[in-house]
Full PDB file with SEQRES, HELIX, SHEET, SSBOND, CRYST1, ORIGX, SCALE, CONECT and MASTER records, all heavy atoms in Angstrom:
SEQRES   1 A   33  GLY TRP LEU ILE LEU THR ILE LEU LEU PRO PHE LEU GLY          
SEQRES   2 A   33  VAL PHE VAL TYR VAL LEU VAL ARG GLY ARG SER MET GLY          
SEQRES   3 A   33  ALA ARG GLU ARG ARG HIS LEU                                  
HELIX    1 AA1 TRP A    2  LEU A    8  1                                   7    
HELIX    2 AA2 PRO A   10  ARG A   21  1                                  12    
HELIX    3 AA3 GLY A   22  SER A   24  5                                   3    
HELIX    4 AA4 MET A   25  HIS A   32  1                                   8    
CRYST1    1.000    1.000    1.000  90.00  90.00  90.00 P 1           1          
ORIGX1      1.000000  0.000000  0.000000        0.00000                         
ORIGX2      0.000000  1.000000  0.000000        0.00000                         
ORIGX3      0.000000  0.000000  1.000000        0.00000                         
SCALE1      1.000000  0.000000  0.000000        0.00000                         
SCALE2      0.000000  1.000000  0.000000        0.00000                         
SCALE3      0.000000  0.000000  1.000000        0.00000                         
ATOM      1  N   GLY A   1    -126.462 -58.663 194.723  1.00  0.00           N  
ATOM      2  CA  GLY A   1    -127.217 -59.856 195.111  1.00  0.00           C  
ATOM      3  C   GLY A   1    -128.569 -59.514 195.710  1.00  0.00           C  
ATOM      4  O   GLY A   1    -129.585 -60.127 195.365  1.00  0.00           O  
ATOM      5  N   TRP A   2    -128.586 -58.551 196.632  1.00  0.00           N  
ATOM      6  CA  TRP A   2    -129.858 -58.159 197.239  1.00  0.00           C  
ATOM      7  C   TRP A   2    -130.801 -57.576 196.190  1.00  0.00           C  
ATOM      8  O   TRP A   2    -132.008 -57.826 196.207  1.00  0.00           O  
ATOM      9  CB  TRP A   2    -129.646 -57.156 198.367  1.00  0.00           C  
ATOM     10  CG  TRP A   2    -129.227 -57.780 199.648  1.00  0.00           C  
ATOM     11  CD1 TRP A   2    -128.023 -57.635 200.285  1.00  0.00           C  
ATOM     12  CD2 TRP A   2    -129.997 -58.671 200.469  1.00  0.00           C  
ATOM     13  NE1 TRP A   2    -128.010 -58.376 201.431  1.00  0.00           N  
ATOM     14  CE2 TRP A   2    -129.215 -59.018 201.582  1.00  0.00           C  
ATOM     15  CE3 TRP A   2    -131.276 -59.200 200.369  1.00  0.00           C  
ATOM     16  CZ2 TRP A   2    -129.653 -59.874 202.571  1.00  0.00           C  
ATOM     17  CZ3 TRP A   2    -131.728 -60.051 201.359  1.00  0.00           C  
ATOM     18  CH2 TRP A   2    -130.912 -60.380 202.445  1.00  0.00           C  
ATOM     19  N   LEU A   3    -130.265 -56.760 195.270  1.00  0.00           N  
ATOM     20  CA  LEU A   3    -131.122 -56.179 194.239  1.00  0.00           C  
ATOM     21  C   LEU A   3    -131.690 -57.244 193.312  1.00  0.00           C  
ATOM     22  O   LEU A   3    -132.869 -57.198 192.955  1.00  0.00           O  
ATOM     23  CB  LEU A   3    -130.350 -55.129 193.439  1.00  0.00           C  
ATOM     24  CG  LEU A   3    -130.105 -53.823 194.172  1.00  0.00           C  
ATOM     25  CD1 LEU A   3    -129.235 -52.893 193.339  1.00  0.00           C  
ATOM     26  CD2 LEU A   3    -131.411 -53.145 194.504  1.00  0.00           C  
ATOM     27  N   ILE A   4    -130.851 -58.198 192.907  1.00  0.00           N  
ATOM     28  CA  ILE A   4    -131.342 -59.283 192.047  1.00  0.00           C  
ATOM     29  C   ILE A   4    -132.415 -60.082 192.762  1.00  0.00           C  
ATOM     30  O   ILE A   4    -133.457 -60.416 192.182  1.00  0.00           O  
ATOM     31  CB  ILE A   4    -130.163 -60.179 191.596  1.00  0.00           C  
ATOM     32  CG1 ILE A   4    -129.294 -59.414 190.602  1.00  0.00           C  
ATOM     33  CG2 ILE A   4    -130.657 -61.477 190.989  1.00  0.00           C  
ATOM     34  CD1 ILE A   4    -127.988 -60.102 190.261  1.00  0.00           C  
ATOM     35  N   LEU A   5    -132.192 -60.367 194.045  1.00  0.00           N  
ATOM     36  CA  LEU A   5    -133.188 -61.121 194.812  1.00  0.00           C  
ATOM     37  C   LEU A   5    -134.504 -60.353 194.912  1.00  0.00           C  
ATOM     38  O   LEU A   5    -135.580 -60.921 194.736  1.00  0.00           O  
ATOM     39  CB  LEU A   5    -132.650 -61.451 196.208  1.00  0.00           C  
ATOM     40  CG  LEU A   5    -133.556 -62.294 197.100  1.00  0.00           C  
ATOM     41  CD1 LEU A   5    -133.768 -63.669 196.485  1.00  0.00           C  
ATOM     42  CD2 LEU A   5    -132.972 -62.413 198.487  1.00  0.00           C  
ATOM     43  N   THR A   6    -134.430 -59.037 195.175  1.00  0.00           N  
ATOM     44  CA  THR A   6    -135.671 -58.260 195.319  1.00  0.00           C  
ATOM     45  C   THR A   6    -136.361 -58.017 193.986  1.00  0.00           C  
ATOM     46  O   THR A   6    -137.570 -57.794 193.956  1.00  0.00           O  
ATOM     47  CB  THR A   6    -135.412 -56.915 196.017  1.00  0.00           C  
ATOM     48  OG1 THR A   6    -134.439 -56.182 195.293  1.00  0.00           O  
ATOM     49  CG2 THR A   6    -134.982 -57.106 197.438  1.00  0.00           C  
ATOM     50  N   ILE A   7    -135.603 -58.060 192.877  1.00  0.00           N  
ATOM     51  CA  ILE A   7    -136.245 -57.863 191.573  1.00  0.00           C  
ATOM     52  C   ILE A   7    -136.832 -59.177 191.049  1.00  0.00           C  
ATOM     53  O   ILE A   7    -137.952 -59.202 190.546  1.00  0.00           O  
ATOM     54  CB  ILE A   7    -135.246 -57.251 190.578  1.00  0.00           C  
ATOM     55  CG1 ILE A   7    -134.960 -55.800 190.981  1.00  0.00           C  
ATOM     56  CG2 ILE A   7    -135.782 -57.301 189.149  1.00  0.00           C  
ATOM     57  CD1 ILE A   7    -133.838 -55.144 190.225  1.00  0.00           C  
ATOM     58  N   LEU A   8    -136.086 -60.272 191.180  1.00  0.00           N  
ATOM     59  CA  LEU A   8    -136.572 -61.552 190.658  1.00  0.00           C  
ATOM     60  C   LEU A   8    -137.653 -62.176 191.540  1.00  0.00           C  
ATOM     61  O   LEU A   8    -138.615 -62.750 191.030  1.00  0.00           O  
ATOM     62  CB  LEU A   8    -135.405 -62.533 190.488  1.00  0.00           C  
ATOM     63  CG  LEU A   8    -134.382 -62.160 189.409  1.00  0.00           C  
ATOM     64  CD1 LEU A   8    -133.296 -63.205 189.328  1.00  0.00           C  
ATOM     65  CD2 LEU A   8    -135.064 -61.973 188.062  1.00  0.00           C  
ATOM     66  N   LEU A   9    -137.470 -62.109 192.837  1.00  0.00           N  
ATOM     67  CA  LEU A   9    -138.455 -62.646 193.788  1.00  0.00           C  
ATOM     68  C   LEU A   9    -138.820 -61.535 194.777  1.00  0.00           C  
ATOM     69  O   LEU A   9    -138.361 -61.520 195.920  1.00  0.00           O  
ATOM     70  CB  LEU A   9    -137.878 -63.848 194.538  1.00  0.00           C  
ATOM     71  CG  LEU A   9    -137.422 -65.024 193.681  1.00  0.00           C  
ATOM     72  CD1 LEU A   9    -136.631 -66.010 194.514  1.00  0.00           C  
ATOM     73  CD2 LEU A   9    -138.616 -65.688 193.050  1.00  0.00           C  
ATOM     74  N   PRO A  10    -139.632 -60.578 194.348  1.00  0.00           N  
ATOM     75  CA  PRO A  10    -139.828 -59.376 195.170  1.00  0.00           C  
ATOM     76  C   PRO A  10    -140.367 -59.642 196.572  1.00  0.00           C  
ATOM     77  O   PRO A  10    -139.827 -59.102 197.544  1.00  0.00           O  
ATOM     78  CB  PRO A  10    -140.792 -58.514 194.362  1.00  0.00           C  
ATOM     79  CG  PRO A  10    -141.195 -59.294 193.187  1.00  0.00           C  
ATOM     80  CD  PRO A  10    -140.392 -60.543 193.130  1.00  0.00           C  
ATOM     81  N   PHE A  11    -141.394 -60.451 196.709  1.00  0.00           N  
ATOM     82  CA  PHE A  11    -141.962 -60.668 198.047  1.00  0.00           C  
ATOM     83  C   PHE A  11    -140.961 -61.374 198.946  1.00  0.00           C  
ATOM     84  O   PHE A  11    -140.690 -60.931 200.063  1.00  0.00           O  
ATOM     85  CB  PHE A  11    -143.264 -61.473 197.960  1.00  0.00           C  
ATOM     86  CG  PHE A  11    -144.400 -60.696 197.382  1.00  0.00           C  
ATOM     87  CD1 PHE A  11    -144.866 -60.969 196.110  1.00  0.00           C  
ATOM     88  CD2 PHE A  11    -144.985 -59.677 198.101  1.00  0.00           C  
ATOM     89  CE1 PHE A  11    -145.910 -60.240 195.572  1.00  0.00           C  
ATOM     90  CE2 PHE A  11    -146.041 -58.949 197.584  1.00  0.00           C  
ATOM     91  CZ  PHE A  11    -146.496 -59.229 196.301  1.00  0.00           C  
ATOM     92  N   LEU A  12    -140.394 -62.448 198.460  1.00  0.00           N  
ATOM     93  CA  LEU A  12    -139.419 -63.197 199.254  1.00  0.00           C  
ATOM     94  C   LEU A  12    -138.180 -62.354 199.529  1.00  0.00           C  
ATOM     95  O   LEU A  12    -137.678 -62.319 200.659  1.00  0.00           O  
ATOM     96  CB  LEU A  12    -139.032 -64.494 198.527  1.00  0.00           C  
ATOM     97  CG  LEU A  12    -138.037 -65.384 199.260  1.00  0.00           C  
ATOM     98  CD1 LEU A  12    -138.670 -65.921 200.533  1.00  0.00           C  
ATOM     99  CD2 LEU A  12    -137.571 -66.503 198.358  1.00  0.00           C  
ATOM    100  N   GLY A  13    -137.677 -61.664 198.523  1.00  0.00           N  
ATOM    101  CA  GLY A  13    -136.472 -60.843 198.687  1.00  0.00           C  
ATOM    102  C   GLY A  13    -136.639 -59.755 199.726  1.00  0.00           C  
ATOM    103  O   GLY A  13    -135.777 -59.543 200.574  1.00  0.00           O  
ATOM    104  N   VAL A  14    -137.767 -59.049 199.671  1.00  0.00           N  
ATOM    105  CA  VAL A  14    -137.999 -57.962 200.627  1.00  0.00           C  
ATOM    106  C   VAL A  14    -138.178 -58.514 202.032  1.00  0.00           C  
ATOM    107  O   VAL A  14    -137.605 -57.987 202.991  1.00  0.00           O  
ATOM    108  CB  VAL A  14    -139.217 -57.114 200.195  1.00  0.00           C  
ATOM    109  CG1 VAL A  14    -139.671 -56.200 201.315  1.00  0.00           C  
ATOM    110  CG2 VAL A  14    -138.885 -56.306 198.964  1.00  0.00           C  
ATOM    111  N   PHE A  15    -138.941 -59.587 202.174  1.00  0.00           N  
ATOM    112  CA  PHE A  15    -139.165 -60.133 203.506  1.00  0.00           C  
ATOM    113  C   PHE A  15    -137.874 -60.703 204.104  1.00  0.00           C  
ATOM    114  O   PHE A  15    -137.609 -60.518 205.286  1.00  0.00           O  
ATOM    115  CB  PHE A  15    -140.271 -61.181 203.485  1.00  0.00           C  
ATOM    116  CG  PHE A  15    -141.624 -60.581 203.215  1.00  0.00           C  
ATOM    117  CD1 PHE A  15    -142.478 -61.158 202.300  1.00  0.00           C  
ATOM    118  CD2 PHE A  15    -142.035 -59.445 203.884  1.00  0.00           C  
ATOM    119  CE1 PHE A  15    -143.717 -60.599 202.050  1.00  0.00           C  
ATOM    120  CE2 PHE A  15    -143.268 -58.887 203.649  1.00  0.00           C  
ATOM    121  CZ  PHE A  15    -144.124 -59.462 202.723  1.00  0.00           C  
ATOM    122  N   VAL A  16    -137.058 -61.352 203.295  1.00  0.00           N  
ATOM    123  CA  VAL A  16    -135.776 -61.864 203.793  1.00  0.00           C  
ATOM    124  C   VAL A  16    -134.862 -60.702 204.167  1.00  0.00           C  
ATOM    125  O   VAL A  16    -134.205 -60.725 205.208  1.00  0.00           O  
ATOM    126  CB  VAL A  16    -135.111 -62.790 202.741  1.00  0.00           C  
ATOM    127  CG1 VAL A  16    -133.679 -63.110 203.126  1.00  0.00           C  
ATOM    128  CG2 VAL A  16    -135.909 -64.065 202.585  1.00  0.00           C  
ATOM    129  N   TYR A  17    -134.833 -59.653 203.348  1.00  0.00           N  
ATOM    130  CA  TYR A  17    -133.997 -58.483 203.658  1.00  0.00           C  
ATOM    131  C   TYR A  17    -134.427 -57.844 204.979  1.00  0.00           C  
ATOM    132  O   TYR A  17    -133.588 -57.510 205.817  1.00  0.00           O  
ATOM    133  CB  TYR A  17    -134.072 -57.446 202.536  1.00  0.00           C  
ATOM    134  CG  TYR A  17    -133.108 -56.298 202.736  1.00  0.00           C  
ATOM    135  CD1 TYR A  17    -131.797 -56.389 202.321  1.00  0.00           C  
ATOM    136  CD2 TYR A  17    -133.508 -55.121 203.365  1.00  0.00           C  
ATOM    137  CE1 TYR A  17    -130.909 -55.356 202.504  1.00  0.00           C  
ATOM    138  CE2 TYR A  17    -132.639 -54.084 203.563  1.00  0.00           C  
ATOM    139  CZ  TYR A  17    -131.333 -54.198 203.131  1.00  0.00           C  
ATOM    140  OH  TYR A  17    -130.448 -53.172 203.330  1.00  0.00           O  
ATOM    141  N   VAL A  18    -135.724 -57.689 205.161  1.00  0.00           N  
ATOM    142  CA  VAL A  18    -136.224 -57.083 206.401  1.00  0.00           C  
ATOM    143  C   VAL A  18    -135.892 -57.965 207.597  1.00  0.00           C  
ATOM    144  O   VAL A  18    -135.525 -57.463 208.663  1.00  0.00           O  
ATOM    145  CB  VAL A  18    -137.739 -56.798 206.298  1.00  0.00           C  
ATOM    146  CG1 VAL A  18    -138.320 -56.418 207.636  1.00  0.00           C  
ATOM    147  CG2 VAL A  18    -137.998 -55.696 205.285  1.00  0.00           C  
ATOM    148  N   LEU A  19    -135.988 -59.274 207.442  1.00  0.00           N  
ATOM    149  CA  LEU A  19    -135.648 -60.171 208.545  1.00  0.00           C  
ATOM    150  C   LEU A  19    -134.153 -60.154 208.856  1.00  0.00           C  
ATOM    151  O   LEU A  19    -133.752 -60.144 210.016  1.00  0.00           O  
ATOM    152  CB  LEU A  19    -136.092 -61.603 208.223  1.00  0.00           C  
ATOM    153  CG  LEU A  19    -137.580 -61.869 208.270  1.00  0.00           C  
ATOM    154  CD1 LEU A  19    -137.880 -63.279 207.785  1.00  0.00           C  
ATOM    155  CD2 LEU A  19    -138.127 -61.659 209.663  1.00  0.00           C  
ATOM    156  N   VAL A  20    -133.314 -60.141 207.827  1.00  0.00           N  
ATOM    157  CA  VAL A  20    -131.873 -60.231 208.029  1.00  0.00           C  
ATOM    158  C   VAL A  20    -131.269 -58.882 208.405  1.00  0.00           C  
ATOM    159  O   VAL A  20    -130.460 -58.792 209.329  1.00  0.00           O  
ATOM    160  CB  VAL A  20    -131.187 -60.792 206.757  1.00  0.00           C  
ATOM    161  CG1 VAL A  20    -129.677 -60.728 206.872  1.00  0.00           C  
ATOM    162  CG2 VAL A  20    -131.643 -62.212 206.509  1.00  0.00           C  
ATOM    163  N   ARG A  21    -131.649 -57.818 207.713  1.00  0.00           N  
ATOM    164  CA  ARG A  21    -130.994 -56.523 207.899  1.00  0.00           C  
ATOM    165  C   ARG A  21    -131.940 -55.424 208.374  1.00  0.00           C  
ATOM    166  O   ARG A  21    -131.564 -54.259 208.427  1.00  0.00           O  
ATOM    167  CB  ARG A  21    -130.339 -56.106 206.590  1.00  0.00           C  
ATOM    168  CG  ARG A  21    -129.323 -57.136 206.115  1.00  0.00           C  
ATOM    169  CD  ARG A  21    -128.589 -56.713 204.887  1.00  0.00           C  
ATOM    170  NE  ARG A  21    -128.083 -55.372 204.940  1.00  0.00           N  
ATOM    171  CZ  ARG A  21    -126.941 -55.004 205.513  1.00  0.00           C  
ATOM    172  NH1 ARG A  21    -126.187 -55.899 206.101  1.00  0.00           N  
ATOM    173  NH2 ARG A  21    -126.547 -53.757 205.488  1.00  0.00           N  
ATOM    174  N   GLY A  22    -133.148 -55.785 208.737  1.00  0.00           N  
ATOM    175  CA  GLY A  22    -134.148 -54.786 209.105  1.00  0.00           C  
ATOM    176  C   GLY A  22    -133.839 -54.018 210.374  1.00  0.00           C  
ATOM    177  O   GLY A  22    -134.203 -52.860 210.520  1.00  0.00           O  
ATOM    178  N   ARG A  23    -133.132 -54.651 211.298  1.00  0.00           N  
ATOM    179  CA  ARG A  23    -132.839 -54.000 212.578  1.00  0.00           C  
ATOM    180  C   ARG A  23    -131.989 -52.743 212.392  1.00  0.00           C  
ATOM    181  O   ARG A  23    -132.165 -51.751 213.083  1.00  0.00           O  
ATOM    182  CB  ARG A  23    -132.133 -54.982 213.501  1.00  0.00           C  
ATOM    183  CG  ARG A  23    -131.860 -54.435 214.876  1.00  0.00           C  
ATOM    184  CD  ARG A  23    -131.234 -55.494 215.730  1.00  0.00           C  
ATOM    185  NE  ARG A  23    -132.153 -56.629 215.867  1.00  0.00           N  
ATOM    186  CZ  ARG A  23    -132.654 -57.042 217.007  1.00  0.00           C  
ATOM    187  NH1 ARG A  23    -132.319 -56.463 218.107  1.00  0.00           N  
ATOM    188  NH2 ARG A  23    -133.478 -58.061 217.049  1.00  0.00           N  
ATOM    189  N   SER A  24    -131.081 -52.775 211.429  1.00  0.00           N  
ATOM    190  CA  SER A  24    -130.175 -51.633 211.244  1.00  0.00           C  
ATOM    191  C   SER A  24    -130.680 -50.650 210.189  1.00  0.00           C  
ATOM    192  O   SER A  24    -130.025 -49.640 209.944  1.00  0.00           O  
ATOM    193  CB  SER A  24    -128.786 -52.133 210.868  1.00  0.00           C  
ATOM    194  OG  SER A  24    -128.840 -52.934 209.705  1.00  0.00           O  
ATOM    195  N   MET A  25    -131.826 -50.919 209.585  1.00  0.00           N  
ATOM    196  CA  MET A  25    -132.363 -49.989 208.580  1.00  0.00           C  
ATOM    197  C   MET A  25    -132.680 -48.628 209.195  1.00  0.00           C  
ATOM    198  O   MET A  25    -132.387 -47.591 208.603  1.00  0.00           O  
ATOM    199  CB  MET A  25    -133.633 -50.558 207.934  1.00  0.00           C  
ATOM    200  CG  MET A  25    -133.395 -51.599 206.884  1.00  0.00           C  
ATOM    201  SD  MET A  25    -134.926 -52.278 206.197  1.00  0.00           S  
ATOM    202  CE  MET A  25    -135.537 -50.899 205.253  1.00  0.00           C  
ATOM    203  N   GLY A  26    -133.241 -48.626 210.377  1.00  0.00           N  
ATOM    204  CA  GLY A  26    -133.578 -47.370 211.051  1.00  0.00           C  
ATOM    205  C   GLY A  26    -132.347 -46.562 211.398  1.00  0.00           C  
ATOM    206  O   GLY A  26    -132.338 -45.338 211.267  1.00  0.00           O  
ATOM    207  N   ALA A  27    -131.284 -47.236 211.844  1.00  0.00           N  
ATOM    208  CA  ALA A  27    -130.055 -46.520 212.185  1.00  0.00           C  
ATOM    209  C   ALA A  27    -129.442 -45.878 210.943  1.00  0.00           C  
ATOM    210  O   ALA A  27    -128.967 -44.737 210.992  1.00  0.00           O  
ATOM    211  CB  ALA A  27    -129.052 -47.480 212.833  1.00  0.00           C  
ATOM    212  N   ARG A  28    -129.452 -46.596 209.819  1.00  0.00           N  
ATOM    213  CA  ARG A  28    -128.924 -46.021 208.585  1.00  0.00           C  
ATOM    214  C   ARG A  28    -129.774 -44.844 208.130  1.00  0.00           C  
ATOM    215  O   ARG A  28    -129.249 -43.839 207.643  1.00  0.00           O  
ATOM    216  CB  ARG A  28    -128.849 -47.095 207.497  1.00  0.00           C  
ATOM    217  CG  ARG A  28    -127.679 -48.019 207.672  1.00  0.00           C  
ATOM    218  CD  ARG A  28    -127.513 -48.926 206.464  1.00  0.00           C  
ATOM    219  NE  ARG A  28    -128.590 -49.894 206.321  1.00  0.00           N  
ATOM    220  CZ  ARG A  28    -128.634 -51.057 206.951  1.00  0.00           C  
ATOM    221  NH1 ARG A  28    -127.663 -51.398 207.774  1.00  0.00           N  
ATOM    222  NH2 ARG A  28    -129.640 -51.887 206.760  1.00  0.00           N  
ATOM    223  N   GLU A  29    -131.070 -44.948 208.289  1.00  0.00           N  
ATOM    224  CA  GLU A  29    -131.964 -43.845 207.916  1.00  0.00           C  
ATOM    225  C   GLU A  29    -131.691 -42.606 208.770  1.00  0.00           C  
ATOM    226  O   GLU A  29    -131.628 -41.487 208.268  1.00  0.00           O  
ATOM    227  CB  GLU A  29    -133.425 -44.283 208.064  1.00  0.00           C  
ATOM    228  CG  GLU A  29    -134.437 -43.228 207.718  1.00  0.00           C  
ATOM    229  CD  GLU A  29    -134.546 -42.978 206.231  1.00  0.00           C  
ATOM    230  OE1 GLU A  29    -134.116 -43.843 205.443  1.00  0.00           O  
ATOM    231  OE2 GLU A  29    -135.039 -41.904 205.866  1.00  0.00           O  
ATOM    232  N   ARG A  30    -131.500 -42.815 210.093  1.00  0.00           N  
ATOM    233  CA  ARG A  30    -131.195 -41.684 210.980  1.00  0.00           C  
ATOM    234  C   ARG A  30    -129.875 -41.034 210.601  1.00  0.00           C  
ATOM    235  O   ARG A  30    -129.761 -39.813 210.574  1.00  0.00           O  
ATOM    236  CB  ARG A  30    -131.175 -42.140 212.433  1.00  0.00           C  
ATOM    237  CG  ARG A  30    -132.537 -42.251 213.068  1.00  0.00           C  
ATOM    238  CD  ARG A  30    -132.452 -42.464 214.573  1.00  0.00           C  
ATOM    239  NE  ARG A  30    -131.753 -43.683 214.947  1.00  0.00           N  
ATOM    240  CZ  ARG A  30    -132.300 -44.896 214.938  1.00  0.00           C  
ATOM    241  NH1 ARG A  30    -133.550 -45.031 214.555  1.00  0.00           N  
ATOM    242  NH2 ARG A  30    -131.607 -45.949 215.303  1.00  0.00           N  
ATOM    243  N   ARG A  31    -128.840 -41.856 210.338  1.00  0.00           N  
ATOM    244  CA  ARG A  31    -127.539 -41.293 209.939  1.00  0.00           C  
ATOM    245  C   ARG A  31    -127.670 -40.501 208.646  1.00  0.00           C  
ATOM    246  O   ARG A  31    -127.084 -39.427 208.508  1.00  0.00           O  
ATOM    247  CB  ARG A  31    -126.510 -42.406 209.775  1.00  0.00           C  
ATOM    248  CG  ARG A  31    -125.941 -42.907 211.071  1.00  0.00           C  
ATOM    249  CD  ARG A  31    -124.667 -43.704 210.857  1.00  0.00           C  
ATOM    250  NE  ARG A  31    -124.797 -44.760 209.861  1.00  0.00           N  
ATOM    251  CZ  ARG A  31    -125.076 -46.035 210.134  1.00  0.00           C  
ATOM    252  NH1 ARG A  31    -125.268 -46.413 211.383  1.00  0.00           N  
ATOM    253  NH2 ARG A  31    -125.161 -46.927 209.169  1.00  0.00           N  
ATOM    254  N   HIS A  32    -128.447 -41.005 207.724  1.00  0.00           N  
ATOM    255  CA  HIS A  32    -128.637 -40.309 206.455  1.00  0.00           C  
ATOM    256  C   HIS A  32    -129.344 -38.966 206.674  1.00  0.00           C  
ATOM    257  O   HIS A  32    -128.935 -37.947 206.106  1.00  0.00           O  
ATOM    258  CB  HIS A  32    -129.454 -41.191 205.508  1.00  0.00           C  
ATOM    259  CG  HIS A  32    -129.798 -40.552 204.206  1.00  0.00           C  
ATOM    260  ND1 HIS A  32    -128.866 -40.295 203.233  1.00  0.00           N  
ATOM    261  CD2 HIS A  32    -130.983 -40.105 203.726  1.00  0.00           C  
ATOM    262  CE1 HIS A  32    -129.456 -39.720 202.208  1.00  0.00           C  
ATOM    263  NE2 HIS A  32    -130.749 -39.600 202.486  1.00  0.00           N  
ATOM    264  N   LEU A  33    -130.377 -38.953 207.492  1.00  0.00           N  
ATOM    265  CA  LEU A  33    -131.104 -37.714 207.766  1.00  0.00           C  
ATOM    266  C   LEU A  33    -130.240 -36.712 208.522  1.00  0.00           C  
ATOM    267  O   LEU A  33    -130.303 -35.504 208.270  1.00  0.00           O  
ATOM    268  CB  LEU A  33    -132.388 -38.009 208.535  1.00  0.00           C  
ATOM    269  CG  LEU A  33    -133.467 -38.749 207.757  1.00  0.00           C  
ATOM    270  CD1 LEU A  33    -134.649 -39.078 208.658  1.00  0.00           C  
ATOM    271  CD2 LEU A  33    -133.914 -37.943 206.557  1.00  0.00           C  
TER     272      LEU A  33                                                      
MASTER        0    0    0    4    0    0    0    6  271    1    0    3          
END                                                                             
């Protein structure tokens, strides 16, 4: 769903993703590193 949203409506999809799940993006990046 997130991929379809970001591909079909890229600006809206990315901005909504960052607003909804952006807080935990950094934590996932740290765990990955």
